[in-house]
Protein backbone atom coordinates (compact mmCIF):
# COMPACT_ATOMS: atom_id res chain seq x y z
CA MET A 1 26.01 2.77 -14.51
CA GLU A 2 26.26 2.99 -10.88
CA ASP A 3 26.50 0.04 -8.46
CA ARG A 4 25.22 1.09 -5.35
CA SER A 5 22.31 0.77 -2.72
CA PHE A 6 19.19 2.30 -3.76
CA HIS A 7 19.93 4.61 -0.38
CA GLY A 8 23.37 5.47 -1.47
CA GLU A 9 25.23 7.68 -4.06
CA THR A 10 28.15 6.93 -6.61
CA HIS A 11 31.50 9.37 -5.82
CA LEU A 12 33.96 7.86 -8.42
CA ASP A 13 37.35 7.96 -7.23
CA ASP A 14 40.47 5.52 -8.76
CA SER A 15 39.40 2.56 -6.36
CA THR A 16 35.80 2.41 -7.82
CA VAL A 17 36.33 3.66 -11.33
CA ASP A 18 38.97 0.66 -10.92
CA HIS A 19 36.49 -1.55 -9.88
CA PHE A 20 34.31 -0.98 -13.26
CA ARG A 21 37.00 -1.66 -15.30
CA ARG A 22 37.77 -4.97 -13.42
CA THR A 23 34.34 -6.24 -14.13
CA THR A 24 33.13 -4.81 -17.29
CA SER A 25 33.76 -6.65 -20.48
CA HIS A 26 32.94 -7.14 -24.17
CA LEU A 27 30.08 -9.67 -24.87
CA GLU A 28 31.94 -12.77 -26.53
CA ASN A 29 28.92 -13.28 -28.79
CA GLY A 30 26.97 -9.98 -29.88
CA VAL A 31 27.08 -6.29 -29.76
CA GLY A 32 27.42 -5.13 -26.41
CA PHE A 33 28.86 -5.52 -23.03
CA GLU A 34 28.09 -6.92 -19.76
CA PHE A 35 28.87 -5.49 -16.04
CA GLN A 36 28.97 -7.89 -12.95
CA PRO A 37 30.70 -7.15 -9.83
CA HIS A 38 29.36 -9.95 -8.11
CA PRO A 39 28.29 -13.69 -8.77
CA ASP A 40 24.87 -12.84 -7.86
CA ARG A 41 24.66 -9.41 -9.84
CA ARG A 42 25.00 -9.08 -13.57
CA LEU A 43 24.07 -6.08 -15.90
CA GLU A 44 24.20 -6.93 -19.99
CA ALA A 45 23.46 -4.57 -22.74
CA ARG A 46 23.09 -5.76 -26.14
CA ALA A 47 22.04 -4.51 -29.41
CA ASP A 48 20.78 -6.84 -32.91
CA CYS A 49 22.89 -4.71 -35.06
CA GLY A 50 25.59 -1.87 -35.10
CA GLU A 51 28.59 -1.84 -33.53
CA TYR A 52 29.92 -1.36 -29.55
CA TYR A 53 32.73 0.85 -28.92
CA ALA A 54 34.42 0.39 -25.31
CA GLU A 55 35.68 3.79 -24.71
CA GLU A 56 35.09 4.67 -20.49
CA GLU A 57 33.42 8.18 -19.59
CA ILE A 58 33.02 9.74 -16.20
CA SER A 59 30.48 12.02 -15.55
CA ARG A 60 30.29 13.82 -12.09
CA ASN A 61 27.70 15.87 -10.21
CA ILE A 62 24.43 14.16 -12.20
CA PRO A 63 21.70 15.96 -10.35
CA HIS A 64 18.97 13.72 -9.05
CA PRO A 65 16.29 15.68 -8.77
CA ILE A 66 13.89 13.37 -7.18
CA GLU A 67 16.63 12.61 -4.42
CA SER A 68 16.57 16.43 -4.33
CA SER A 69 12.90 16.74 -3.68
CA ARG A 70 13.01 13.84 -0.75
CA GLY A 71 15.99 16.60 0.84
CA GLN A 72 18.64 14.17 0.47
CA THR A 73 21.75 14.07 -1.38
CA ALA A 74 20.84 15.60 -4.46
CA GLN A 75 23.86 14.93 -7.08
CA GLY A 76 26.30 11.82 -7.89
CA ASP A 77 28.40 10.54 -10.30
CA ALA A 78 28.22 7.72 -12.69
CA TYR A 79 30.12 5.53 -14.83
CA SER A 80 30.25 4.53 -18.79
CA PRO A 81 32.05 1.75 -20.30
CA GLY A 82 31.47 2.33 -23.72
CA TRP A 83 28.96 3.65 -26.97
CA PHE A 84 26.80 2.15 -29.04
CA THR A 85 25.89 3.49 -33.27
CA LEU A 86 23.06 1.46 -34.27
CA PRO A 87 21.58 1.95 -38.14
CA VAL A 88 18.77 3.30 -38.46
CA SER A 89 15.99 3.27 -41.42
CA ASN A 90 12.22 3.71 -42.36
CA THR A 91 12.13 -0.16 -42.96
CA LYS A 92 13.84 -1.55 -40.21
CA MET A 93 14.06 -1.54 -36.57
CA ALA A 94 16.86 -1.38 -34.49
CA HIS A 95 16.92 -2.82 -30.81
CA LEU A 96 19.16 -2.05 -27.85
CA ALA A 97 18.00 -4.41 -24.59
CA ILE A 98 19.40 -3.81 -21.18
CA VAL A 99 18.73 -6.89 -18.43
CA VAL A 100 19.62 -7.34 -14.99
CA ASN A 101 20.13 -10.98 -13.59
CA GLU A 102 18.09 -12.18 -15.98
CA PRO A 103 19.03 -14.10 -19.35
CA MET A 104 19.20 -12.01 -22.70
CA LEU A 105 15.76 -11.26 -24.42
CA ASP A 106 15.08 -12.31 -27.66
CA VAL A 107 15.26 -8.83 -29.45
CA ASN A 108 12.74 -8.11 -31.54
CA GLU A 109 9.90 -5.85 -32.31
CA ARG A 110 7.31 -7.69 -30.31
CA THR A 111 9.31 -7.76 -27.02
CA ALA A 112 9.77 -3.99 -27.31
CA THR A 113 6.19 -3.52 -27.69
CA SER A 114 4.10 -5.62 -25.94
CA PHE A 115 5.16 -4.70 -22.78
CA PHE A 116 3.18 -1.63 -23.01
CA SER A 117 0.21 -2.58 -25.20
CA PRO A 118 -1.77 -3.64 -22.06
CA GLU A 119 -1.28 -0.39 -20.25
CA ASN A 120 -3.48 1.10 -23.33
CA GLU A 121 -6.67 -0.56 -22.50
CA ILE A 122 -8.91 0.79 -19.86
CA PRO A 123 -9.27 -0.51 -17.60
CA PRO A 124 -5.77 -2.58 -17.73
CA ARG A 125 -6.14 -6.05 -18.59
CA LEU A 126 -6.66 -8.20 -15.13
CA ASP A 127 -3.84 -11.03 -16.61
CA TYR A 128 -1.50 -7.95 -16.96
CA LEU A 129 -1.97 -6.64 -13.48
CA CYS A 130 -1.66 -10.38 -11.93
CA GLU A 131 1.87 -11.06 -13.56
CA ARG A 132 2.87 -7.56 -12.48
CA MET A 133 1.50 -8.42 -8.98
CA ASN A 134 3.32 -11.44 -9.14
CA THR A 135 6.86 -9.49 -8.55
CA PHE A 136 5.86 -8.97 -5.13
CA ILE A 137 5.36 -12.28 -3.95
CA VAL A 138 8.46 -13.68 -2.44
CA ARG A 139 9.79 -16.67 -0.06
CA ARG A 140 10.29 -16.56 3.28
CA GLY A 141 11.56 -19.54 5.15
CA ARG A 142 8.87 -22.30 3.78
CA GLY A 143 6.15 -20.06 3.27
CA LYS A 144 5.47 -17.00 0.95
CA THR A 145 4.98 -13.18 2.03
CA ILE A 146 4.49 -10.16 -0.02
CA ILE A 147 7.24 -7.27 0.06
CA ALA A 148 5.16 -4.12 0.72
CA GLY A 149 6.75 -2.05 -2.13
CA TYR A 150 10.07 -1.71 -4.32
CA PRO A 151 12.59 -0.61 -3.73
CA TRP A 152 12.64 0.16 0.09
CA PHE A 153 9.87 -1.54 1.87
CA LEU A 154 9.50 -5.39 3.72
CA ASP A 155 6.78 -7.49 4.17
CA TRP A 156 4.86 -5.51 6.99
CA GLY A 157 1.55 -7.26 8.15
CA ARG A 158 -0.48 -4.35 7.51
CA ASP A 159 0.74 -4.09 4.05
CA THR A 160 0.75 -7.84 3.54
CA LEU A 161 -2.59 -8.66 4.74
CA ILE A 162 -4.23 -6.01 2.74
CA ALA A 163 -2.63 -6.77 -0.60
CA VAL A 164 -3.61 -10.57 0.34
CA ARG A 165 -7.12 -9.80 -0.59
CA GLY A 166 -6.20 -9.20 -4.12
CA LEU A 167 -4.83 -12.73 -4.60
CA ILE A 168 -7.78 -14.44 -2.86
CA ALA A 169 -10.25 -12.52 -5.31
CA ASN A 170 -8.40 -13.68 -8.23
CA ALA A 171 -7.99 -17.38 -6.87
CA GLN A 172 -4.39 -17.15 -6.26
CA VAL A 173 -5.66 -19.82 -3.37
CA GLU A 174 -2.53 -21.82 -2.76
CA THR A 175 -0.32 -18.70 -2.53
CA ALA A 176 -2.72 -16.46 -0.41
CA THR A 177 -3.19 -19.36 2.03
CA SER A 178 0.69 -19.49 2.23
CA ILE A 179 0.74 -16.08 3.17
CA ILE A 180 -1.94 -15.99 5.81
CA GLU A 181 -0.85 -19.12 7.26
CA ARG A 182 2.21 -17.50 8.27
CA PHE A 183 0.78 -14.36 9.96
CA ALA A 184 -1.37 -16.18 11.66
CA ALA A 185 1.07 -18.81 12.81
CA PHE A 186 2.23 -15.32 14.61
CA GLU A 187 -0.92 -13.88 16.28
CA LYS A 188 -0.40 -13.83 20.44
CA GLY A 189 -2.96 -12.12 22.56
CA GLY A 190 -5.11 -10.43 19.71
CA THR A 191 -1.74 -8.96 18.38
CA ILE A 192 0.41 -9.80 15.16
CA PRO A 193 3.51 -8.27 14.26
CA ASN A 194 3.55 -4.99 12.45
CA ALA A 195 6.88 -5.79 10.59
CA ILE A 196 8.83 -8.95 10.82
CA PHE A 197 12.62 -8.67 10.46
CA GLY A 198 14.23 -12.00 10.40
CA ASP A 199 12.95 -14.18 13.32
CA ASP A 200 12.33 -11.09 15.51
CA ASP A 201 8.53 -10.13 15.49
CA SER A 202 8.07 -7.83 18.53
CA ASN A 203 7.30 -4.92 16.65
CA ARG A 204 3.28 -5.25 17.36
CA GLU A 205 2.66 -1.84 17.10
CA THR A 206 -0.72 -2.23 15.25
CA SER A 207 -4.48 -2.12 15.82
CA ASP A 208 -5.47 -2.82 12.48
CA ALA A 209 -3.16 -5.76 10.96
CA PRO A 210 -5.04 -8.34 13.27
CA LEU A 211 -8.47 -7.39 12.08
CA TRP A 212 -7.30 -7.54 8.49
CA LEU A 213 -5.92 -10.95 9.26
CA ALA A 214 -9.49 -11.57 10.49
CA ILE A 215 -10.91 -10.21 7.05
CA ALA A 216 -8.42 -12.26 5.32
CA ILE A 217 -8.97 -15.28 6.74
CA GLU A 218 -12.83 -14.71 6.11
CA GLU A 219 -12.50 -14.58 2.46
CA LEU A 220 -10.25 -17.05 1.69
CA ALA A 221 -12.70 -19.70 3.67
CA ASP A 222 -15.34 -18.50 1.09
CA GLN A 223 -13.25 -19.20 -1.73
CA THR A 224 -12.59 -22.40 -0.49
CA ASP A 225 -15.21 -24.40 2.01
CA GLU A 226 -16.36 -24.23 5.18
CA THR A 227 -13.86 -27.08 6.53
CA PHE A 228 -11.04 -24.18 6.50
CA TYR A 229 -11.64 -22.34 9.21
CA GLY A 230 -10.52 -26.10 10.86
CA GLN A 231 -7.12 -26.35 9.34
CA ALA A 232 -4.07 -26.43 11.71
CA ILE A 233 -1.74 -23.31 11.81
CA ASP A 234 1.21 -24.29 13.91
CA GLY A 235 2.74 -27.51 15.38
CA ALA A 236 0.25 -26.80 18.56
CA GLY A 237 -2.84 -27.33 16.37
CA ARG A 238 -4.41 -24.19 16.75
CA THR A 239 -6.68 -23.19 13.97
CA TYR A 240 -7.96 -20.41 11.76
CA ARG A 241 -10.93 -20.55 14.18
CA ASP A 242 -8.87 -20.54 17.04
CA VAL A 243 -6.92 -17.12 15.64
CA VAL A 244 -9.78 -15.40 14.68
CA LEU A 245 -11.49 -16.25 18.36
CA SER A 246 -8.33 -15.00 19.82
CA ILE A 247 -8.23 -11.61 18.18
CA ALA A 248 -11.74 -10.95 19.10
CA LYS A 249 -11.66 -12.05 22.98
CA HIS A 250 -8.46 -10.22 23.06
CA TYR A 251 -9.85 -6.95 21.73
CA ARG A 252 -12.86 -7.51 23.64
CA GLU A 253 -10.92 -8.04 27.07
CA GLY A 254 -8.00 -5.50 26.21
CA THR A 255 -4.73 -6.70 24.59
CA ALA A 256 -1.32 -5.83 26.18
CA ASN A 257 -0.25 -2.96 23.33
CA GLY A 258 -3.66 -1.11 24.58
CA ILE A 259 -5.99 -1.90 22.17
CA ALA A 260 -9.55 -2.05 24.60
CA MET A 261 -12.81 -2.42 23.38
CA ASP A 262 -15.01 0.21 25.46
CA PRO A 263 -17.91 -1.33 27.06
CA GLU A 264 -20.31 1.09 26.56
CA SER A 265 -20.36 1.68 23.02
CA MET A 266 -18.40 -1.58 22.17
CA LEU A 267 -15.88 0.32 20.23
CA ILE A 268 -12.13 -0.27 19.82
CA PHE A 269 -10.06 1.61 21.42
CA SER A 270 -6.90 2.38 19.19
CA PRO A 271 -3.31 3.93 20.71
CA VAL A 272 -1.32 6.74 19.26
CA HIS A 273 0.07 5.69 15.52
CA PHE A 274 -1.18 2.29 15.44
CA THR A 275 -3.19 2.51 12.68
CA TRP A 276 -2.17 2.76 8.84
CA MET A 277 -1.67 6.39 9.54
CA ASP A 278 1.53 5.78 11.36
CA THR A 279 3.94 8.54 11.10
CA ASN A 280 6.21 8.71 14.39
CA HIS A 281 8.30 11.42 15.54
CA PRO A 282 6.60 13.39 14.77
CA ALA A 283 3.18 11.77 14.67
CA GLY A 284 1.57 13.12 11.65
CA THR A 285 -1.59 11.42 12.79
CA LYS A 286 -2.12 10.71 15.92
CA ARG A 287 -5.33 9.15 15.53
CA GLU A 288 -5.76 8.40 19.51
CA GLY A 289 -8.79 6.72 20.16
CA TYR A 290 -11.57 5.30 18.05
CA PRO A 291 -10.30 5.52 14.14
CA ILE A 292 -13.12 4.63 11.84
CA GLU A 293 -11.80 1.85 10.38
CA ILE A 294 -11.12 0.17 13.17
CA GLN A 295 -14.61 0.41 13.86
CA ALA A 296 -15.59 -1.08 10.76
CA LEU A 297 -13.17 -4.03 10.81
CA TRP A 298 -13.84 -4.91 14.19
CA ILE A 299 -18.05 -5.02 13.82
CA ARG A 300 -17.07 -7.42 10.38
CA LEU A 301 -15.22 -9.35 12.94
CA LEU A 302 -18.20 -9.35 15.24
CA GLY A 303 -20.18 -10.61 12.81
CA GLN A 304 -17.33 -13.38 11.86
CA ALA A 305 -16.91 -14.44 15.41
CA GLY A 306 -20.71 -14.72 15.69
CA LYS A 307 -20.92 -17.25 12.73
CA LEU A 308 -17.96 -19.07 14.44
CA ASP A 309 -18.88 -19.19 17.98
CA PRO A 310 -22.73 -18.48 18.46
CA GLY A 311 -23.36 -19.23 22.14
CA GLU A 312 -21.32 -15.96 22.82
CA ARG A 313 -21.95 -12.37 23.28
CA TRP A 314 -21.10 -11.24 19.87
CA GLN A 315 -24.47 -10.61 17.81
CA LEU A 316 -25.48 -8.43 20.52
CA MET A 317 -21.80 -6.96 20.58
CA LEU A 318 -22.34 -6.40 16.80
CA GLY A 319 -25.56 -4.57 17.00
CA GLN A 320 -24.77 -1.89 19.90
CA ALA A 321 -21.41 -1.33 17.68
CA GLN A 322 -23.06 -0.62 14.67
CA GLU A 323 -25.70 1.44 16.38
CA SER A 324 -22.69 3.38 18.03
CA LEU A 325 -20.37 3.77 14.95
CA ALA A 326 -24.16 5.47 13.36
CA LYS A 327 -24.61 7.89 16.14
CA PHE A 328 -20.91 9.02 17.17
CA TYR A 329 -19.71 9.27 13.76
CA TRP A 330 -22.60 11.10 11.36
CA CYS A 331 -21.51 14.79 11.02
CA GLU A 332 -25.22 15.82 10.13
CA ASN A 333 -23.47 19.86 9.56
CA ARG A 334 -20.84 18.41 7.01
CA SER A 335 -22.66 15.56 5.61
CA TRP A 336 -19.88 12.75 6.14
CA LEU A 337 -18.82 10.23 8.41
CA ALA A 338 -16.26 11.43 11.28
CA ASP A 339 -12.32 10.25 11.13
CA CYS A 340 -11.84 9.72 14.85
CA LEU A 341 -12.89 9.87 17.90
CA LEU A 342 -10.48 11.46 19.75
CA ALA A 343 -9.54 10.33 23.07
CA LYS A 344 -7.27 9.39 25.95
CA PRO A 345 -6.61 5.54 27.21
CA GLY A 346 -9.73 4.46 29.26
CA GLN A 347 -11.73 7.31 28.06
CA SER A 348 -15.11 5.97 26.44
CA ALA A 349 -16.40 7.07 22.81
CA ALA A 350 -19.01 9.42 25.03
CA GLN A 351 -16.24 11.22 26.65
CA SER A 352 -14.59 11.81 23.11
CA LYS A 353 -14.16 14.75 21.01
CA VAL A 354 -15.13 14.37 17.56
CA ASP A 355 -12.81 14.61 14.84
CA GLY A 356 -15.01 15.62 11.46
CA ASN A 357 -11.62 15.87 9.03
CA LEU A 358 -12.87 14.30 6.24
CA ARG A 359 -10.28 11.95 5.18
CA CYS A 360 -10.29 8.98 3.01
CA ASN A 361 -10.49 6.77 5.97
CA LEU A 362 -14.53 6.64 6.04
CA LEU A 363 -14.47 4.86 2.76
CA ILE A 364 -13.27 1.45 4.12
CA ALA A 365 -16.67 1.79 6.47
CA VAL A 366 -18.42 1.87 3.49
CA SER A 367 -16.33 -0.44 1.41
CA LEU A 368 -16.99 -3.41 4.17
CA GLY A 369 -20.59 -2.95 3.81
CA VAL A 370 -20.62 -1.77 7.24
CA VAL A 371 -22.04 1.59 6.62
CA ASP A 372 -25.10 1.71 3.62
CA GLY A 373 -27.91 4.36 3.29
CA HIS A 374 -27.98 7.71 2.89
CA LEU A 375 -25.14 8.07 5.30
CA ALA A 376 -22.80 5.91 2.85
CA LYS A 377 -24.24 7.68 -0.07
CA ARG A 378 -22.96 11.23 1.06
CA SER A 379 -20.01 10.35 2.77
CA VAL A 380 -19.22 8.60 -0.75
CA LEU A 381 -20.10 11.63 -2.35
CA ALA A 382 -17.94 14.04 -0.32
CA ALA A 383 -14.89 11.92 -0.80
CA ILE A 384 -15.78 12.13 -4.68
CA ARG A 385 -15.87 16.35 -4.18
CA HIS A 386 -13.18 16.26 -1.69
CA LEU A 387 -10.60 13.57 -1.90
CA VAL A 388 -10.28 12.08 -5.70
CA VAL A 389 -7.24 13.11 -7.84
CA PRO A 390 -6.43 11.02 -11.17
CA GLY A 391 -5.74 7.21 -9.81
CA ALA A 392 -5.37 8.46 -6.09
CA VAL A 393 -7.72 9.43 -3.06
CA ARG A 394 -6.25 11.88 -1.08
CA SER A 395 -5.93 11.47 2.99
CA LEU A 396 -7.32 14.49 3.99
CA ALA A 397 -9.65 17.10 1.71
CA PRO A 398 -8.15 21.06 1.59
CA LEU A 399 -10.75 22.43 4.01
CA PRO A 400 -10.89 23.99 7.25
CA SER A 401 -10.13 21.57 10.25
CA ALA A 402 -13.23 20.62 11.97
CA GLN A 403 -10.70 19.93 15.16
CA PRO A 404 -7.09 21.41 15.03
CA HIS A 405 -4.32 19.43 14.06
CA PRO A 406 -0.71 20.66 15.30
CA VAL A 407 1.85 18.77 14.20
CA GLU A 408 5.20 19.11 16.47
CA HIS A 409 8.61 18.04 16.37
CA ASN A 410 11.12 18.57 18.76
CA GLY A 411 8.77 22.16 20.71
CA GLN A 412 7.96 23.18 17.02
CA LEU A 413 5.02 23.54 15.40
CA LEU A 414 5.35 22.77 11.62
CA ASN A 415 2.01 23.36 10.42
CA ASP A 416 -1.26 25.50 10.47
CA PRO A 417 -3.40 23.51 12.85
CA ALA A 418 -6.56 25.37 11.51
CA SER A 419 -5.60 23.84 8.00
CA PRO A 420 -3.66 21.17 8.20
CA TYR A 421 -3.70 20.23 4.61
CA TRP A 422 -0.24 19.56 3.37
CA GLY A 423 -0.50 18.92 -0.79
CA ARG A 424 3.17 18.68 -1.94
CA TYR A 425 4.97 15.53 -0.05
CA GLU A 426 8.60 17.13 -1.05
CA GLY A 427 11.70 18.10 1.35
CA ASP A 428 13.35 17.01 4.74
CA GLU A 429 11.76 13.70 6.01
CA ASP A 430 10.79 14.58 9.65
CA THR A 431 10.06 18.39 9.18
CA ARG A 432 8.31 18.55 5.64
CA ARG A 433 7.23 14.73 4.47
CA LYS A 434 6.13 13.30 7.54
CA PRO A 435 3.56 16.28 8.07
CA ALA A 436 2.05 15.75 4.61
CA TYR A 437 2.22 11.92 3.99
CA HIS A 438 -1.27 11.38 6.04
CA ASN A 439 -2.41 14.82 5.73
CA GLY A 440 -3.54 15.31 1.89
CA THR A 441 -0.98 13.29 0.18
CA ALA A 442 -2.92 11.28 -2.52
CA TRP A 443 -2.97 7.15 -2.06
CA THR A 444 -3.16 4.88 -5.00
CA TRP A 445 -4.72 1.55 -2.83
CA PHE A 446 -7.43 4.15 -1.53
CA LEU A 447 -8.91 4.50 -5.27
CA PRO A 448 -10.07 1.20 -5.67
CA GLN A 449 -11.73 1.36 -2.32
CA LEU A 450 -13.75 4.45 -3.49
CA CYS A 451 -14.72 2.09 -6.41
CA GLU A 452 -15.83 -0.21 -4.02
CA ALA A 453 -17.68 2.36 -1.51
CA ILE A 454 -19.82 3.50 -4.66
CA LEU A 455 -20.46 -0.16 -6.08
CA ARG A 456 -21.65 -0.71 -2.12
CA ALA A 457 -23.65 2.66 -1.57
CA TRP A 458 -25.67 2.22 -4.78
CA PRO A 459 -26.04 -1.69 -5.13
CA ASN A 460 -27.16 -3.10 -8.50
CA ASP A 461 -26.70 0.23 -10.08
CA ASP A 462 -25.86 0.40 -13.76
CA LYS A 463 -24.99 4.03 -13.62
CA ALA A 464 -22.34 3.55 -10.31
CA THR A 465 -21.07 0.37 -11.84
CA LYS A 466 -19.67 2.63 -14.94
CA ALA A 467 -19.18 5.77 -12.72
CA ALA A 468 -16.89 2.80 -10.34
CA LYS A 469 -15.53 1.78 -13.59
CA SER A 470 -14.83 5.56 -14.81
CA TYR A 471 -13.03 6.46 -11.51
CA LEU A 472 -10.83 2.93 -11.10
CA SER A 473 -9.74 3.70 -15.41
CA SER A 474 -7.45 6.68 -14.13
CA SER A 475 -4.86 3.93 -12.77
CA ALA A 476 -4.28 3.34 -16.49
CA LEU A 477 -2.70 6.69 -16.37
CA LEU A 478 0.33 6.10 -14.22
CA LEU A 479 0.69 2.77 -15.58
CA LYS A 480 2.60 4.79 -18.03
CA LYS A 481 4.46 6.53 -15.91
CA GLY A 482 7.51 5.82 -13.45
CA CYS A 483 8.04 2.32 -12.75
CA ALA A 484 6.51 1.35 -15.96
CA GLY A 485 3.69 -1.13 -15.24
CA GLN A 486 3.56 -0.63 -11.74
CA LEU A 487 1.60 1.70 -9.37
CA PRO A 488 3.18 4.49 -7.28
CA GLU A 489 2.78 4.49 -3.56
CA ILE A 490 1.49 8.38 -3.51
CA LEU A 491 1.31 11.32 -5.44
CA ASP A 492 1.08 14.70 -4.52
CA GLY A 493 -2.49 15.84 -3.27
CA ASP A 494 -1.72 19.16 -5.16
CA ALA A 495 -1.85 19.25 -8.81
CA PRO A 496 -0.21 17.83 -10.91
CA HIS A 497 0.03 15.18 -8.43
CA HIS A 498 3.45 14.25 -8.84
CA GLN A 499 4.54 10.93 -8.06
CA ARG A 500 5.95 10.23 -4.83
CA GLY A 501 7.29 8.01 -2.03
CA CYS A 502 7.88 3.84 -2.72
CA ASP A 503 7.97 3.59 -7.08
CA ALA A 504 5.95 0.30 -7.26
CA GLN A 505 3.34 -0.73 -4.28
CA ALA A 506 1.66 -3.71 -3.42
CA TRP A 507 -1.19 -3.07 -2.36
CA ALA A 508 -2.57 -0.61 -4.78
CA MET A 509 -2.01 -3.01 -7.80
CA SER A 510 -3.90 -5.82 -5.57
CA GLU A 511 -6.41 -3.63 -4.58
CA LEU A 512 -7.17 -2.54 -8.28
CA ILE A 513 -7.19 -6.09 -9.16
CA ARG A 514 -9.61 -6.93 -6.93
CA VAL A 515 -11.86 -4.03 -7.57
CA LEU A 516 -11.51 -5.04 -10.83
CA ASN A 517 -12.53 -8.50 -10.50
CA GLU A 518 -15.62 -7.54 -8.80
CA ILE A 519 -16.47 -5.21 -11.21
CA ASP A 520 -16.14 -7.33 -14.24
């Protein structure tokens, strides 16, 4: 046993050994022990047969290979209060159960096996996935929010608003409304928080979170009725309609944090590391300019604003933005949509440099229905060929770079700018993992995006539906590994595609639920 923060290590000395001895005791009724170092923390180990013997053992310098792969302390100590003997035979099963902060289970054969059986269904059952997804939904103040992932993430704007789409698709309207209302109330000048620390909402360095908020509001309105947009979201009487139009107007005029619309192309400029590919110090994927998924989200917002405020020029802007996306992003020589138009603040889309590297972000333009026809089909086929791995989609294709992509830290070049693909997410955070994070690492939340893009590119096509379902089913393999019943944040881009990062990721599970709902 250990009793520590996830980010620490146990190093046993006389005082820590005494801590375990004082807080561990035999069960009064049953075979086993309990460990309760604090009223809020309790572990119970119980067997339904056999004996438990209290005989402590101290193990030192236990290898921690996962921490080692992250460049962290690679060993720690552990305390054992005793051991069990369990009789086994060909006719009777023995059960040992360990629970933390929960009442002890009724230990029997059904309990021991039912947890895993739904994972064997391909694709997994929706009710099983929804039960797992609900573990990310927590209270914040009087409302609810979504923890981005366990064990170390908080509730972030972007992650929450992508993850809430799965709740909406699954008709969890009350919970989704509580979450969206909270973030909508934080909207100010077209921005919302990228992260919330208590009452501190000052971190607004995101160009996509407000756009995902608008998408979530639109989808929730579709699940309810036309009066939804008129509901008040704060004490000042602002409504969802007000919030959506505020985002649209401030993006058009320019926000205080540097987001701006190019008046020629009607496309949106995004500052450095403002997208979901947001590593910094070093910035592994700066994407300063006009990232493709920002344009797709913006085009969807223009259509939404046009319906809410038909007297404005939203529809004219929508047509121009759609035309500009097709004009500037299509790479005929590569047969896919470019990832970003690289530009500095004040530069127009026409003055930008095209970053034609194949990245997963083009799938959002297709899945949102912004790009269709042969551009969509050819882009999706390129993604299938170069980006898909079992259960996830690479963030960058393992191909020569269309545009030099240097990653530097403290004056040192960390990668090969001509071949920026980095297939293993391991080692020191700043010099190894950050350069890999969005440059080849495969993301589980993008597999459902791929499958939805297949459905959009080949609408009403039975073969496309079967293909989408087949790709989506590869998520079932991940549910059996690592954090059982959950999907990890990322995988190595290189085979054998080890699980990395956060053990259980909300938007991965939520997107799987959302797209399974659509396919079914």
